[in-house]
Amino acid sequence: METAESRGARVLLPSDDEPPVTSWPYPSPLQDEKVGNVGFTGVDLASQRLENVTLTRCRFTNSRLMGVSMVRVTLKDVLFENCTFDYAIWEHVTAAGGVAFVGCSFKETIFEGGDLRGTVFDDCALGAEFQRTTMSGADLRGSDLDAVSGLSSLRGVTVTEAQLRQLSEVMIRDFDLTVAELPL
């Protein structure tokens, strides 16, 4: 069984028995289903809705998930590489182990009420809003945090020293702080 590793997250990949799927073969909305052991390349899930879905041993490469709505979705051993999640809504999404996003875009994406503990976001543009999302143990190193919001959800994540400067700007914006000099 082939695995991929990104910043400590080990993801069990789909078997190589079948070629990657290049178009989304499921109905919209996809509800109450289990999708497993599938590699997707260049699929377009723009504006699709997934509800009560479990994704296991899936790999998404160069795929478009703009505006996708994921509600009560469970991810286990899922790797997203160079995917676009701009304007997506993730409600109560759970990372159940081995989940990594590499080179993905999350412009104006909303994560609400999810559990993304231990998830890796490597070299991602995280222009996302996090609301009541558990992120402890997540690794954000290498990602752009300039446009992230929802600082309290980032409790317990791993970042680099350089990202602390980005997060200070997030703190000023999120808490509507006024930064002023002391009078002489």
N, C-alpha and C. Protein backbone atom coordinates (compact mmCIF):
# COMPACT_ATOMS: atom_id res chain seq x y z
N MET A 1 0.84 -1.18 0.00
CA MET A 1 0.00 0.00 0.00
C MET A 1 0.88 1.24 0.00
N GLU A 2 0.63 2.09 -0.96
CA GLU A 2 1.42 3.30 -1.11
C GLU A 2 0.92 4.38 -0.15
N THR A 3 1.87 5.11 0.41
CA THR A 3 1.52 6.22 1.29
C THR A 3 2.22 7.48 0.80
N ALA A 4 1.65 8.61 1.19
CA ALA A 4 2.29 9.91 0.95
C ALA A 4 2.47 10.55 2.31
N GLU A 5 3.52 11.33 2.45
CA GLU A 5 3.76 12.00 3.71
C GLU A 5 4.00 13.48 3.46
N SER A 6 3.36 14.30 4.27
CA SER A 6 3.55 15.74 4.20
C SER A 6 3.61 16.28 5.62
N ARG A 7 4.77 16.80 5.99
CA ARG A 7 4.98 17.40 7.31
C ARG A 7 4.48 16.51 8.44
N GLY A 8 4.75 15.22 8.33
CA GLY A 8 4.39 14.29 9.40
C GLY A 8 3.04 13.62 9.23
N ALA A 9 2.19 14.13 8.37
CA ALA A 9 0.90 13.47 8.13
C ALA A 9 1.13 12.34 7.13
N ARG A 10 0.78 11.15 7.53
CA ARG A 10 0.92 9.98 6.66
C ARG A 10 -0.46 9.65 6.11
N VAL A 11 -0.57 9.65 4.78
CA VAL A 11 -1.84 9.41 4.11
C VAL A 11 -1.73 8.12 3.30
N LEU A 12 -2.62 7.18 3.60
CA LEU A 12 -2.69 5.94 2.84
C LEU A 12 -3.41 6.24 1.53
N LEU A 13 -2.73 6.04 0.41
CA LEU A 13 -3.27 6.42 -0.90
C LEU A 13 -4.12 5.30 -1.50
N PRO A 14 -4.97 5.66 -2.48
CA PRO A 14 -5.75 4.62 -3.16
C PRO A 14 -4.83 3.66 -3.90
N SER A 15 -5.29 2.46 -4.13
CA SER A 15 -4.48 1.49 -4.86
C SER A 15 -4.33 1.94 -6.31
N ASP A 16 -3.31 1.42 -6.95
CA ASP A 16 -3.04 1.76 -8.35
C ASP A 16 -3.77 0.84 -9.32
N ASP A 17 -4.69 0.03 -8.83
CA ASP A 17 -5.40 -0.93 -9.68
C ASP A 17 -6.23 -0.27 -10.77
N GLU A 18 -6.76 0.90 -10.47
CA GLU A 18 -7.61 1.62 -11.42
C GLU A 18 -6.96 2.95 -11.80
N PRO A 19 -7.15 3.42 -13.03
CA PRO A 19 -6.61 4.74 -13.39
C PRO A 19 -7.39 5.83 -12.65
N PRO A 20 -6.79 7.02 -12.50
CA PRO A 20 -7.50 8.11 -11.82
C PRO A 20 -8.79 8.49 -12.56
N VAL A 21 -9.79 8.86 -11.78
CA VAL A 21 -11.08 9.29 -12.32
C VAL A 21 -10.95 10.76 -12.70
N THR A 22 -11.40 11.13 -13.90
CA THR A 22 -11.23 12.50 -14.38
C THR A 22 -12.52 13.31 -14.43
N SER A 23 -13.64 12.70 -14.09
CA SER A 23 -14.89 13.47 -13.95
C SER A 23 -15.66 12.89 -12.76
N TRP A 24 -16.35 13.75 -12.04
CA TRP A 24 -17.05 13.37 -10.83
C TRP A 24 -18.20 12.42 -11.19
N PRO A 25 -18.15 11.17 -10.74
CA PRO A 25 -19.15 10.18 -11.16
C PRO A 25 -20.39 10.09 -10.27
N TYR A 26 -20.50 10.99 -9.30
CA TYR A 26 -21.57 10.89 -8.31
C TYR A 26 -22.63 11.96 -8.52
N PRO A 27 -23.85 11.73 -8.02
CA PRO A 27 -24.92 12.72 -8.18
C PRO A 27 -24.68 13.94 -7.31
N SER A 28 -25.42 14.99 -7.60
CA SER A 28 -25.40 16.19 -6.76
C SER A 28 -26.82 16.49 -6.35
N PRO A 29 -27.09 16.58 -5.08
CA PRO A 29 -26.13 16.44 -3.99
C PRO A 29 -25.79 14.96 -3.74
N LEU A 30 -24.58 14.74 -3.22
CA LEU A 30 -24.17 13.40 -2.80
C LEU A 30 -24.43 13.31 -1.31
N GLN A 31 -25.31 12.40 -0.92
CA GLN A 31 -25.72 12.30 0.48
C GLN A 31 -25.60 10.87 0.98
N ASP A 32 -25.19 10.76 2.26
CA ASP A 32 -25.19 9.48 2.97
C ASP A 32 -24.45 8.38 2.19
N GLU A 33 -23.26 8.71 1.71
CA GLU A 33 -22.49 7.74 0.91
C GLU A 33 -21.07 7.61 1.46
N LYS A 34 -20.43 6.53 1.07
CA LYS A 34 -19.01 6.32 1.37
C LYS A 34 -18.28 6.23 0.04
N VAL A 35 -17.25 7.05 -0.10
CA VAL A 35 -16.43 7.05 -1.31
C VAL A 35 -15.04 6.63 -0.87
N GLY A 36 -14.50 5.58 -1.47
CA GLY A 36 -13.20 5.11 -1.01
C GLY A 36 -12.34 4.51 -2.10
N ASN A 37 -11.03 4.56 -1.83
CA ASN A 37 -10.02 3.96 -2.69
C ASN A 37 -10.11 4.49 -4.13
N VAL A 38 -10.21 5.83 -4.25
CA VAL A 38 -10.34 6.45 -5.57
C VAL A 38 -9.36 7.61 -5.69
N GLY A 39 -8.70 7.69 -6.84
CA GLY A 39 -7.88 8.84 -7.18
C GLY A 39 -8.63 9.70 -8.18
N PHE A 40 -8.72 10.99 -7.91
CA PHE A 40 -9.42 11.93 -8.80
C PHE A 40 -8.39 12.90 -9.35
N THR A 41 -8.36 13.09 -10.66
CA THR A 41 -7.45 14.04 -11.27
C THR A 41 -8.23 14.99 -12.17
N GLY A 42 -8.11 16.28 -11.88
CA GLY A 42 -8.75 17.29 -12.71
C GLY A 42 -10.27 17.28 -12.66
N VAL A 43 -10.85 16.76 -11.58
CA VAL A 43 -12.32 16.74 -11.50
C VAL A 43 -12.84 18.13 -11.14
N ASP A 44 -14.06 18.40 -11.58
CA ASP A 44 -14.70 19.69 -11.31
C ASP A 44 -15.90 19.45 -10.40
N LEU A 45 -15.74 19.85 -9.14
CA LEU A 45 -16.82 19.73 -8.16
C LEU A 45 -17.37 21.10 -7.80
N ALA A 46 -17.18 22.08 -8.66
CA ALA A 46 -17.65 23.44 -8.37
C ALA A 46 -19.13 23.42 -8.05
N SER A 47 -19.46 24.04 -6.93
CA SER A 47 -20.84 24.20 -6.45
C SER A 47 -21.55 22.89 -6.14
N GLN A 48 -20.83 21.80 -6.01
CA GLN A 48 -21.43 20.53 -5.62
C GLN A 48 -21.73 20.54 -4.12
N ARG A 49 -22.61 19.66 -3.67
CA ARG A 49 -22.93 19.53 -2.25
C ARG A 49 -22.70 18.09 -1.83
N LEU A 50 -21.89 17.92 -0.77
CA LEU A 50 -21.66 16.62 -0.17
C LEU A 50 -22.17 16.69 1.26
N GLU A 51 -23.06 15.77 1.64
CA GLU A 51 -23.64 15.80 2.97
C GLU A 51 -23.65 14.39 3.55
N ASN A 52 -23.14 14.27 4.79
CA ASN A 52 -23.04 12.96 5.45
C ASN A 52 -22.27 11.97 4.59
N VAL A 53 -21.15 12.41 4.05
CA VAL A 53 -20.32 11.59 3.17
C VAL A 53 -19.02 11.27 3.88
N THR A 54 -18.51 10.07 3.68
CA THR A 54 -17.20 9.67 4.20
C THR A 54 -16.28 9.44 3.01
N LEU A 55 -15.15 10.15 2.99
CA LEU A 55 -14.12 9.96 1.97
C LEU A 55 -12.95 9.22 2.63
N THR A 56 -12.59 8.06 2.11
CA THR A 56 -11.51 7.26 2.67
C THR A 56 -10.57 6.83 1.55
N ARG A 57 -9.26 7.01 1.81
CA ARG A 57 -8.23 6.65 0.83
C ARG A 57 -8.52 7.26 -0.53
N CYS A 58 -8.69 8.58 -0.53
CA CYS A 58 -8.93 9.32 -1.77
C CYS A 58 -7.80 10.30 -2.01
N ARG A 59 -7.51 10.53 -3.26
CA ARG A 59 -6.50 11.51 -3.65
C ARG A 59 -7.11 12.40 -4.72
N PHE A 60 -7.11 13.71 -4.45
CA PHE A 60 -7.61 14.69 -5.40
C PHE A 60 -6.42 15.50 -5.89
N THR A 61 -6.19 15.52 -7.20
CA THR A 61 -5.07 16.24 -7.78
C THR A 61 -5.58 17.20 -8.84
N ASN A 62 -5.10 18.46 -8.77
CA ASN A 62 -5.47 19.48 -9.77
C ASN A 62 -6.97 19.55 -9.99
N SER A 63 -7.72 19.54 -8.91
CA SER A 63 -9.18 19.52 -9.01
C SER A 63 -9.78 20.84 -8.56
N ARG A 64 -10.95 21.13 -9.08
CA ARG A 64 -11.65 22.40 -8.84
C ARG A 64 -12.84 22.13 -7.92
N LEU A 65 -12.76 22.64 -6.70
CA LEU A 65 -13.83 22.47 -5.72
C LEU A 65 -14.35 23.83 -5.28
N MET A 66 -14.38 24.77 -6.20
CA MET A 66 -14.84 26.14 -5.89
C MET A 66 -16.31 26.11 -5.51
N GLY A 67 -16.63 26.73 -4.39
CA GLY A 67 -18.01 26.82 -3.96
C GLY A 67 -18.62 25.51 -3.50
N VAL A 68 -17.80 24.48 -3.34
CA VAL A 68 -18.34 23.20 -2.87
C VAL A 68 -18.87 23.37 -1.44
N SER A 69 -19.94 22.68 -1.14
CA SER A 69 -20.52 22.69 0.20
C SER A 69 -20.33 21.30 0.79
N MET A 70 -19.57 21.23 1.88
CA MET A 70 -19.32 19.95 2.54
C MET A 70 -19.93 20.03 3.94
N VAL A 71 -20.95 19.22 4.19
CA VAL A 71 -21.67 19.24 5.46
C VAL A 71 -21.59 17.85 6.09
N ARG A 72 -21.05 17.80 7.31
CA ARG A 72 -20.89 16.55 8.04
C ARG A 72 -20.15 15.50 7.18
N VAL A 73 -19.04 15.92 6.64
CA VAL A 73 -18.19 15.04 5.83
C VAL A 73 -17.03 14.57 6.70
N THR A 74 -16.69 13.29 6.59
CA THR A 74 -15.56 12.73 7.31
C THR A 74 -14.47 12.39 6.30
N LEU A 75 -13.24 12.84 6.61
CA LEU A 75 -12.08 12.59 5.76
C LEU A 75 -11.12 11.67 6.49
N LYS A 76 -10.73 10.57 5.86
CA LYS A 76 -9.73 9.68 6.44
C LYS A 76 -8.81 9.21 5.34
N ASP A 77 -7.51 9.49 5.52
CA ASP A 77 -6.52 9.17 4.50
C ASP A 77 -6.90 9.82 3.17
N VAL A 78 -6.96 11.15 3.19
CA VAL A 78 -7.31 11.93 2.00
C VAL A 78 -6.21 12.96 1.74
N LEU A 79 -5.74 13.00 0.51
CA LEU A 79 -4.72 13.94 0.08
C LEU A 79 -5.29 14.82 -1.02
N PHE A 80 -5.19 16.13 -0.82
CA PHE A 80 -5.60 17.11 -1.83
C PHE A 80 -4.34 17.81 -2.30
N GLU A 81 -4.03 17.74 -3.60
CA GLU A 81 -2.85 18.37 -4.15
C GLU A 81 -3.25 19.36 -5.24
N ASN A 82 -2.83 20.62 -5.08
CA ASN A 82 -3.09 21.66 -6.07
C ASN A 82 -4.57 21.77 -6.43
N CYS A 83 -5.40 21.81 -5.41
CA CYS A 83 -6.85 21.93 -5.59
C CYS A 83 -7.31 23.33 -5.20
N THR A 84 -8.41 23.77 -5.78
CA THR A 84 -8.98 25.09 -5.50
C THR A 84 -10.28 24.92 -4.74
N PHE A 85 -10.31 25.46 -3.51
CA PHE A 85 -11.49 25.41 -2.65
C PHE A 85 -12.08 26.81 -2.43
N ASP A 86 -11.76 27.76 -3.29
CA ASP A 86 -12.23 29.13 -3.10
C ASP A 86 -13.75 29.16 -2.97
N TYR A 87 -14.22 29.98 -2.03
CA TYR A 87 -15.66 30.21 -1.78
C TYR A 87 -16.40 28.95 -1.31
N ALA A 88 -15.68 27.96 -0.83
CA ALA A 88 -16.30 26.72 -0.35
C ALA A 88 -16.81 26.91 1.08
N ILE A 89 -17.74 26.06 1.46
CA ILE A 89 -18.27 26.06 2.83
C ILE A 89 -18.09 24.65 3.40
N TRP A 90 -17.37 24.59 4.52
CA TRP A 90 -17.13 23.33 5.21
C TRP A 90 -17.83 23.41 6.56
N GLU A 91 -18.92 22.69 6.74
CA GLU A 91 -19.64 22.69 8.01
C GLU A 91 -19.51 21.32 8.67
N HIS A 92 -18.99 21.32 9.88
CA HIS A 92 -18.88 20.10 10.69
C HIS A 92 -18.13 18.99 9.94
N VAL A 93 -17.04 19.38 9.28
CA VAL A 93 -16.17 18.41 8.60
C VAL A 93 -15.17 17.87 9.62
N THR A 94 -14.95 16.56 9.60
CA THR A 94 -14.05 15.91 10.55
C THR A 94 -12.90 15.24 9.80
N ALA A 95 -11.68 15.54 10.25
CA ALA A 95 -10.50 14.84 9.75
C ALA A 95 -10.24 13.69 10.72
N ALA A 96 -10.48 12.48 10.27
CA ALA A 96 -10.36 11.31 11.13
C ALA A 96 -8.98 10.67 11.06
N GLY A 97 -8.02 11.34 10.44
CA GLY A 97 -6.66 10.85 10.38
C GLY A 97 -6.09 10.87 8.98
N GLY A 98 -4.82 11.26 8.88
CA GLY A 98 -4.13 11.25 7.61
C GLY A 98 -4.74 12.13 6.55
N VAL A 99 -4.87 13.44 6.85
CA VAL A 99 -5.45 14.38 5.89
C VAL A 99 -4.43 15.49 5.61
N ALA A 100 -4.16 15.73 4.33
CA ALA A 100 -3.20 16.77 3.95
C ALA A 100 -3.68 17.53 2.73
N PHE A 101 -3.44 18.85 2.78
CA PHE A 101 -3.70 19.75 1.65
C PHE A 101 -2.35 20.30 1.24
N VAL A 102 -1.95 20.11 0.00
CA VAL A 102 -0.65 20.57 -0.47
C VAL A 102 -0.88 21.47 -1.69
N GLY A 103 -0.44 22.73 -1.58
CA GLY A 103 -0.56 23.66 -2.69
C GLY A 103 -1.99 24.02 -3.05
N CYS A 104 -2.88 24.06 -2.07
CA CYS A 104 -4.30 24.34 -2.32
C CYS A 104 -4.65 25.79 -2.01
N SER A 105 -5.73 26.27 -2.62
CA SER A 105 -6.22 27.63 -2.40
C SER A 105 -7.56 27.59 -1.68
N PHE A 106 -7.67 28.43 -0.64
CA PHE A 106 -8.88 28.51 0.18
C PHE A 106 -9.36 29.96 0.27
N LYS A 107 -9.44 30.66 -0.83
CA LYS A 107 -9.85 32.07 -0.84
C LYS A 107 -11.32 32.18 -0.42
N GLU A 108 -11.58 32.93 0.64
CA GLU A 108 -12.92 33.18 1.18
C GLU A 108 -13.69 31.90 1.48
N THR A 109 -12.97 30.88 1.90
CA THR A 109 -13.59 29.62 2.32
C THR A 109 -14.00 29.73 3.78
N ILE A 110 -15.11 29.11 4.14
CA ILE A 110 -15.59 29.14 5.52
C ILE A 110 -15.53 27.73 6.09
N PHE A 111 -14.80 27.59 7.22
CA PHE A 111 -14.77 26.35 7.99
C PHE A 111 -15.56 26.61 9.26
N GLU A 112 -16.64 25.87 9.47
CA GLU A 112 -17.48 26.13 10.63
C GLU A 112 -17.77 24.84 11.40
N GLY A 113 -17.42 24.88 12.70
CA GLY A 113 -17.77 23.78 13.59
C GLY A 113 -17.11 22.45 13.29
N GLY A 114 -15.99 22.46 12.60
CA GLY A 114 -15.34 21.21 12.22
C GLY A 114 -14.28 20.78 13.20
N ASP A 115 -13.72 19.61 12.95
CA ASP A 115 -12.62 19.07 13.74
C ASP A 115 -11.52 18.67 12.77
N LEU A 116 -10.54 19.55 12.63
CA LEU A 116 -9.43 19.33 11.69
C LEU A 116 -8.12 19.10 12.43
N ARG A 117 -8.20 18.48 13.59
CA ARG A 117 -7.00 18.19 14.38
C ARG A 117 -6.02 17.35 13.57
N GLY A 118 -4.75 17.75 13.61
CA GLY A 118 -3.70 16.99 12.96
C GLY A 118 -3.63 17.13 11.45
N THR A 119 -4.48 17.94 10.86
CA THR A 119 -4.48 18.14 9.41
C THR A 119 -3.28 18.99 9.00
N VAL A 120 -2.72 18.70 7.84
CA VAL A 120 -1.58 19.47 7.32
C VAL A 120 -2.06 20.34 6.17
N PHE A 121 -1.71 21.63 6.25
CA PHE A 121 -1.93 22.59 5.16
C PHE A 121 -0.53 23.05 4.75
N ASP A 122 0.02 22.50 3.69
CA ASP A 122 1.38 22.77 3.26
C ASP A 122 1.36 23.60 1.97
N ASP A 123 1.96 24.78 2.02
CA ASP A 123 2.05 25.66 0.85
C ASP A 123 0.67 26.01 0.30
N CYS A 124 -0.27 26.28 1.22
CA CYS A 124 -1.64 26.64 0.83
C CYS A 124 -1.86 28.14 1.02
N ALA A 125 -2.77 28.70 0.24
CA ALA A 125 -3.23 30.08 0.42
C ALA A 125 -4.48 30.01 1.29
N LEU A 126 -4.29 30.25 2.59
CA LEU A 126 -5.39 30.10 3.55
C LEU A 126 -6.09 31.43 3.77
N GLY A 127 -6.85 31.87 2.79
CA GLY A 127 -7.66 33.07 2.93
C GLY A 127 -9.02 32.68 3.48
N ALA A 128 -9.01 31.84 4.50
CA ALA A 128 -10.23 31.22 5.02
C ALA A 128 -10.67 31.85 6.33
N GLU A 129 -11.95 31.65 6.63
CA GLU A 129 -12.51 32.07 7.91
C GLU A 129 -12.81 30.80 8.71
N PHE A 130 -12.24 30.73 9.91
CA PHE A 130 -12.46 29.59 10.79
C PHE A 130 -13.39 30.00 11.91
N GLN A 131 -14.51 29.30 12.04
CA GLN A 131 -15.49 29.59 13.09
C GLN A 131 -15.70 28.32 13.91
N ARG A 132 -15.36 28.39 15.19
CA ARG A 132 -15.57 27.26 16.10
C ARG A 132 -15.06 25.95 15.51
N THR A 133 -13.87 26.00 14.95
CA THR A 133 -13.24 24.83 14.34
C THR A 133 -12.06 24.41 15.20
N THR A 134 -11.98 23.13 15.53
CA THR A 134 -10.87 22.61 16.33
C THR A 134 -9.71 22.29 15.40
N MET A 135 -8.57 22.95 15.64
CA MET A 135 -7.41 22.81 14.76
C MET A 135 -6.15 22.33 15.50
N SER A 136 -6.25 22.00 16.78
CA SER A 136 -5.06 21.65 17.54
C SER A 136 -4.30 20.52 16.86
N GLY A 137 -2.98 20.68 16.82
CA GLY A 137 -2.13 19.70 16.16
C GLY A 137 -2.03 19.85 14.66
N ALA A 138 -2.81 20.77 14.08
CA ALA A 138 -2.71 21.02 12.63
C ALA A 138 -1.39 21.72 12.34
N ASP A 139 -0.85 21.50 11.16
CA ASP A 139 0.41 22.09 10.75
C ASP A 139 0.15 23.03 9.58
N LEU A 140 0.39 24.32 9.81
CA LEU A 140 0.14 25.33 8.78
C LEU A 140 1.44 25.86 8.17
N ARG A 141 2.57 25.28 8.54
CA ARG A 141 3.86 25.78 8.05
C ARG A 141 3.90 25.81 6.53
N GLY A 142 4.43 26.90 6.01
CA GLY A 142 4.57 27.05 4.57
C GLY A 142 3.35 27.64 3.89
N SER A 143 2.28 27.84 4.64
CA SER A 143 1.05 28.40 4.05
C SER A 143 0.98 29.90 4.28
N ASP A 144 0.28 30.58 3.39
CA ASP A 144 0.07 32.02 3.49
C ASP A 144 -1.13 32.27 4.39
N LEU A 145 -0.90 32.97 5.51
CA LEU A 145 -1.95 33.22 6.50
C LEU A 145 -2.42 34.66 6.49
N ASP A 146 -2.01 35.46 5.51
CA ASP A 146 -2.35 36.89 5.48
C ASP A 146 -3.85 37.16 5.56
N ALA A 147 -4.66 36.37 4.90
CA ALA A 147 -6.10 36.67 4.81
C ALA A 147 -6.95 35.74 5.68
N VAL A 148 -6.32 34.99 6.58
CA VAL A 148 -7.07 34.09 7.46
C VAL A 148 -7.81 34.91 8.51
N SER A 149 -8.94 34.40 8.98
CA SER A 149 -9.63 35.03 10.12
C SER A 149 -10.19 33.93 11.01
N GLY A 150 -10.48 34.30 12.25
CA GLY A 150 -10.93 33.31 13.23
C GLY A 150 -9.78 32.77 14.05
N LEU A 151 -9.01 33.70 14.59
CA LEU A 151 -7.78 33.37 15.31
C LEU A 151 -8.00 32.35 16.43
N SER A 152 -9.10 32.41 17.13
CA SER A 152 -9.31 31.49 18.26
C SER A 152 -9.37 30.03 17.81
N SER A 153 -9.76 29.76 16.58
CA SER A 153 -9.78 28.38 16.08
C SER A 153 -8.38 27.85 15.82
N LEU A 154 -7.39 28.73 15.75
CA LEU A 154 -6.03 28.29 15.45
C LEU A 154 -5.25 27.87 16.69
N ARG A 155 -5.92 27.76 17.81
CA ARG A 155 -5.27 27.34 19.06
C ARG A 155 -4.63 25.97 18.86
N GLY A 156 -3.33 25.89 19.16
CA GLY A 156 -2.62 24.62 19.11
C GLY A 156 -2.07 24.21 17.76
N VAL A 157 -2.10 25.12 16.76
CA VAL A 157 -1.53 24.78 15.45
C VAL A 157 -0.03 25.03 15.46
N THR A 158 0.66 24.48 14.48
CA THR A 158 2.09 24.71 14.31
C THR A 158 2.29 25.68 13.16
N VAL A 159 3.06 26.74 13.45
CA VAL A 159 3.39 27.75 12.43
C VAL A 159 4.88 28.05 12.53
N THR A 160 5.40 28.76 11.55
CA THR A 160 6.80 29.19 11.59
C THR A 160 6.89 30.56 12.25
N GLU A 161 8.10 30.94 12.57
CA GLU A 161 8.32 32.26 13.16
C GLU A 161 7.88 33.36 12.20
N ALA A 162 8.15 33.18 10.92
CA ALA A 162 7.75 34.19 9.93
C ALA A 162 6.23 34.33 9.87
N GLN A 163 5.50 33.25 10.09
CA GLN A 163 4.03 33.32 10.06
C GLN A 163 3.46 34.06 11.27
N LEU A 164 4.24 34.18 12.33
CA LEU A 164 3.77 34.94 13.50
C LEU A 164 3.48 36.39 13.13
N ARG A 165 4.27 36.96 12.22
CA ARG A 165 4.00 38.33 11.78
C ARG A 165 2.65 38.41 11.07
N GLN A 166 2.37 37.42 10.23
CA GLN A 166 1.05 37.39 9.57
C GLN A 166 -0.06 37.26 10.61
N LEU A 167 0.15 36.42 11.60
CA LEU A 167 -0.89 36.21 12.61
C LEU A 167 -1.09 37.43 13.51
N SER A 168 -0.03 38.23 13.68
CA SER A 168 -0.22 39.47 14.45
C SER A 168 -1.16 40.41 13.70
N GLU A 169 -1.05 40.43 12.38
CA GLU A 169 -1.99 41.24 11.57
C GLU A 169 -3.41 40.68 11.67
N VAL A 170 -3.52 39.36 11.70
CA VAL A 170 -4.83 38.72 11.86
C VAL A 170 -5.43 39.11 13.21
N MET A 171 -4.61 39.09 14.25
CA MET A 171 -5.08 39.46 15.59
C MET A 171 -5.57 40.90 15.62
N ILE A 172 -4.82 41.80 15.02
CA ILE A 172 -5.23 43.21 14.98
C ILE A 172 -6.56 43.35 14.26
N ARG A 173 -6.72 42.65 13.16
CA ARG A 173 -7.96 42.71 12.38
C ARG A 173 -9.13 42.02 13.11
N ASP A 174 -8.90 40.78 13.61
CA ASP A 174 -9.97 40.02 14.26
C ASP A 174 -10.49 40.69 15.52
N PHE A 175 -9.58 41.28 16.29
CA PHE A 175 -9.97 41.88 17.56
C PHE A 175 -10.18 43.38 17.46
N ASP A 176 -10.09 43.92 16.24
CA ASP A 176 -10.30 45.35 16.00
C ASP A 176 -9.44 46.19 16.95
N LEU A 177 -8.16 45.81 17.04
CA LEU A 177 -7.23 46.51 17.93
C LEU A 177 -6.75 47.81 17.31
N THR A 178 -6.47 48.77 18.16
CA THR A 178 -5.82 50.00 17.74
C THR A 178 -4.39 49.95 18.25
N VAL A 179 -3.45 50.07 17.34
CA VAL A 179 -2.04 50.06 17.72
C VAL A 179 -1.56 51.50 17.72
N ALA A 180 -1.06 51.95 18.87
CA ALA A 180 -0.63 53.35 19.02
C ALA A 180 0.70 53.40 19.75
N GLU A 181 1.44 54.44 19.48
CA GLU A 181 2.71 54.67 20.16
C GLU A 181 2.45 55.30 21.52
N LEU A 182 3.36 55.07 22.46
CA LEU A 182 3.29 55.75 23.76
C LEU A 182 3.67 57.21 23.56
N PRO A 183 2.98 58.14 24.24
CA PRO A 183 3.38 59.55 24.11
C PRO A 183 4.75 59.76 24.74
N LEU A 184 5.49 60.68 24.19
CA LEU A 184 6.82 61.00 24.72
C LEU A 184 6.75 61.84 25.94
